[in-house]
Amino acid sequence: MDILETIKDQVTANPILLYMKGSPEQPQCGFSSQASQALMACGEKFAYIDILSNPEIRANLPQYSDWPTFPQLFVAGELVGGCDIIMEMYNSGELLPIVKSATSE
């Protein structure tokens, strides 16, 4: 399967998906740590993919999402953004209802 098809399948199969460096329990960069902490604080389960152990995804995800940096958060199949956007939305209260609605569908 083409790697872009694999990414599309991952994004559509998971209501909340974070492409990050490392795991939520052991993030490998500060931005991934902040993003996963914000998602965990929302109280819903989310999927993650460690791009460090998936170099083909790491190389091709920016082409798929048209977003150059990591982490990348997808909710309900749509790109939300990277760490700065995730943190802005979390701090303003916008992230929680998006996460809740994705898990209740």
C-alpha atoms as a PDB file:
ATOM      1  CA  MET A   1       0.000   0.000   0.000  1.00  0.00           C
ATOM      2  CA  ASP A   2       1.203   3.501  -0.803  1.00  0.00           C
ATOM      3  CA  ILE A   3       2.371   5.399   2.288  1.00  0.00           C
ATOM      4  CA  LEU A   4      -0.042   8.278   1.626  1.00  0.00           C
ATOM      5  CA  GLU A   5      -2.905   5.732   1.553  1.00  0.00           C
ATOM      6  CA  THR A   6      -1.637   4.321   4.848  1.00  0.00           C
ATOM      7  CA  ILE A   7      -1.648   7.803   6.391  1.00  0.00           C
ATOM      8  CA  LYS A   8      -5.149   8.465   5.040  1.00  0.00           C
ATOM      9  CA  ASP A   9      -6.350   5.172   6.546  1.00  0.00           C
ATOM     10  CA  GLN A  10      -4.797   6.060   9.919  1.00  0.00           C
ATOM     11  CA  VAL A  11      -6.360   9.523   9.927  1.00  0.00           C
ATOM     12  CA  THR A  12      -9.826   8.263   8.996  1.00  0.00           C
ATOM     13  CA  ALA A  13      -9.753   5.198  11.292  1.00  0.00           C
ATOM     14  CA  ASN A  14      -8.973   7.187  14.447  1.00  0.00           C
ATOM     15  CA  PRO A  15     -11.308   9.931  15.708  1.00  0.00           C
ATOM     16  CA  ILE A  16      -8.337  11.607  17.437  1.00  0.00           C
ATOM     17  CA  LEU A  17      -4.834  10.955  16.137  1.00  0.00           C
ATOM     18  CA  LEU A  18      -1.602  12.615  17.181  1.00  0.00           C
ATOM     19  CA  TYR A  19       1.503  12.144  15.075  1.00  0.00           C
ATOM     20  CA  MET A  20       4.285  12.827  17.540  1.00  0.00           C
ATOM     21  CA  LYS A  21       7.870  12.124  18.472  1.00  0.00           C
ATOM     22  CA  GLY A  22       7.799   9.321  21.018  1.00  0.00           C
ATOM     23  CA  SER A  23       4.699   8.340  22.987  1.00  0.00           C
ATOM     24  CA  PRO A  24       2.426  10.240  25.393  1.00  0.00           C
ATOM     25  CA  GLU A  25       4.137   8.411  28.258  1.00  0.00           C
ATOM     26  CA  GLN A  26       7.629   9.051  26.876  1.00  0.00           C
ATOM     27  CA  PRO A  27       7.594  12.006  24.477  1.00  0.00           C
ATOM     28  CA  GLN A  28      10.854  12.628  22.644  1.00  0.00           C
ATOM     29  CA  CYS A  29      10.510  16.392  22.270  1.00  0.00           C
ATOM     30  CA  GLY A  30       8.968  19.239  24.224  1.00  0.00           C
ATOM     31  CA  PHE A  31       6.383  20.064  21.575  1.00  0.00           C
ATOM     32  CA  SER A  32       5.133  16.472  21.468  1.00  0.00           C
ATOM     33  CA  SER A  33       5.045  16.467  25.273  1.00  0.00           C
ATOM     34  CA  GLN A  34       2.912  19.624  25.417  1.00  0.00           C
ATOM     35  CA  ALA A  35       0.520  18.414  22.722  1.00  0.00           C
ATOM     36  CA  SER A  36      -0.019  15.003  24.307  1.00  0.00           C
ATOM     37  CA  GLN A  37      -0.462  16.538  27.781  1.00  0.00           C
ATOM     38  CA  ALA A  38      -3.162  18.881  26.430  1.00  0.00           C
ATOM     39  CA  LEU A  39      -4.967  15.952  24.811  1.00  0.00           C
ATOM     40  CA  MET A  40      -4.710  13.809  27.949  1.00  0.00           C
ATOM     41  CA  ALA A  41      -6.151  16.700  29.961  1.00  0.00           C
ATOM     42  CA  CYS A  42      -9.240  16.578  27.738  1.00  0.00           C
ATOM     43  CA  GLY A  43      -9.970  13.151  29.209  1.00  0.00           C
ATOM     44  CA  GLU A  44     -10.651  11.201  26.019  1.00  0.00           C
ATOM     45  CA  LYS A  45      -8.687   8.327  24.538  1.00  0.00           C
ATOM     46  CA  PHE A  46      -6.636   9.192  21.502  1.00  0.00           C
ATOM     47  CA  ALA A  47      -4.405   7.315  19.123  1.00  0.00           C
ATOM     48  CA  TYR A  48      -0.830   8.310  18.472  1.00  0.00           C
ATOM     49  CA  ILE A  49       1.853   7.338  16.020  1.00  0.00           C
ATOM     50  CA  ASP A  50       5.520   7.728  16.851  1.00  0.00           C
ATOM     51  CA  ILE A  51       7.071   9.248  13.741  1.00  0.00           C
ATOM     52  CA  LEU A  52      10.581   8.478  15.016  1.00  0.00           C
ATOM     53  CA  SER A  53       9.923   4.753  14.712  1.00  0.00           C
ATOM     54  CA  ASN A  54       8.028   5.264  11.414  1.00  0.00           C
ATOM     55  CA  PRO A  55      10.476   7.162   9.172  1.00  0.00           C
ATOM     56  CA  GLU A  56       8.362   6.678   6.051  1.00  0.00           C
ATOM     57  CA  ILE A  57       5.396   8.364   7.745  1.00  0.00           C
ATOM     58  CA  ARG A  58       7.689  11.096   9.089  1.00  0.00           C
ATOM     59  CA  ALA A  59       8.967  11.764   5.569  1.00  0.00           C
ATOM     60  CA  ASN A  60       5.548  11.794   3.879  1.00  0.00           C
ATOM     61  CA  LEU A  61       3.095  13.200   6.434  1.00  0.00           C
ATOM     62  CA  PRO A  62       3.994  16.850   5.667  1.00  0.00           C
ATOM     63  CA  GLN A  63       3.063  16.190   2.028  1.00  0.00           C
ATOM     64  CA  TYR A  64      -0.259  14.622   3.064  1.00  0.00           C
ATOM     65  CA  SER A  65      -1.209  17.309   5.562  1.00  0.00           C
ATOM     66  CA  ASP A  66       0.504  20.303   3.969  1.00  0.00           C
ATOM     67  CA  TRP A  67       1.940  20.996   7.440  1.00  0.00           C
ATOM     68  CA  PRO A  68       5.739  20.968   7.815  1.00  0.00           C
ATOM     69  CA  THR A  69       6.296  20.338  11.534  1.00  0.00           C
ATOM     70  CA  PHE A  70       5.523  17.794  14.238  1.00  0.00           C
ATOM     71  CA  PRO A  71       3.458  17.029  16.225  1.00  0.00           C
ATOM     72  CA  GLN A  72       0.339  17.041  14.063  1.00  0.00           C
ATOM     73  CA  LEU A  73      -3.140  16.552  15.479  1.00  0.00           C
ATOM     74  CA  PHE A  74      -6.007  15.190  13.405  1.00  0.00           C
ATOM     75  CA  VAL A  75      -9.550  15.204  14.785  1.00  0.00           C
ATOM     76  CA  ALA A  76     -12.403  13.612  12.829  1.00  0.00           C
ATOM     77  CA  GLY A  77     -10.132  13.253   9.813  1.00  0.00           C
ATOM     78  CA  GLU A  78      -9.159  16.935   9.699  1.00  0.00           C
ATOM     79  CA  LEU A  79      -5.833  18.506  10.545  1.00  0.00           C
ATOM     80  CA  VAL A  80      -6.141  20.712  13.616  1.00  0.00           C
ATOM     81  CA  GLY A  81      -2.516  21.817  13.612  1.00  0.00           C
ATOM     82  CA  GLY A  82       0.729  21.603  15.506  1.00  0.00           C
ATOM     83  CA  CYS A  83       1.789  22.288  19.066  1.00  0.00           C
ATOM     84  CA  ASP A  84       1.191  26.057  19.066  1.00  0.00           C
ATOM     85  CA  ILE A  85      -2.339  25.706  17.719  1.00  0.00           C
ATOM     86  CA  ILE A  86      -3.121  22.775  20.037  1.00  0.00           C
ATOM     87  CA  MET A  87      -1.939  24.768  23.064  1.00  0.00           C
ATOM     88  CA  GLU A  88      -3.808  27.919  22.012  1.00  0.00           C
ATOM     89  CA  MET A  89      -6.995  25.905  21.571  1.00  0.00           C
ATOM     90  CA  TYR A  90      -6.479  24.083  24.873  1.00  0.00           C
ATOM     91  CA  ASN A  91      -5.832  27.295  26.801  1.00  0.00           C
ATOM     92  CA  SER A  92      -8.838  29.056  25.251  1.00  0.00           C
ATOM     93  CA  GLY A  93     -11.146  26.087  25.895  1.00  0.00           C
ATOM     94  CA  GLU A  94     -11.686  25.345  22.191  1.00  0.00           C
ATOM     95  CA  LEU A  95      -9.917  21.976  22.163  1.00  0.00           C
ATOM     96  CA  LEU A  96     -12.110  20.157  24.669  1.00  0.00           C
ATOM     97  CA  PRO A  97     -15.433  20.398  22.765  1.00  0.00           C
ATOM     98  CA  ILE A  98     -13.748  19.342  19.512  1.00  0.00           C
ATOM     99  CA  VAL A  99     -12.199  16.310  21.190  1.00  0.00           C
ATOM    100  CA  LYS A 100     -15.466  15.430  22.954  1.00  0.00           C
ATOM    101  CA  SER A 101     -17.520  15.692  19.759  1.00  0.00           C
ATOM    102  CA  ALA A 102     -15.068  13.478  17.851  1.00  0.00           C
ATOM    103  CA  THR A 103     -15.346  10.722  20.437  1.00  0.00           C
ATOM    104  CA  SER A 104     -19.138  10.878  20.729  1.00  0.00           C
ATOM    105  CA  GLU A 105     -19.822  10.402  17.011  1.00  0.00           C
END
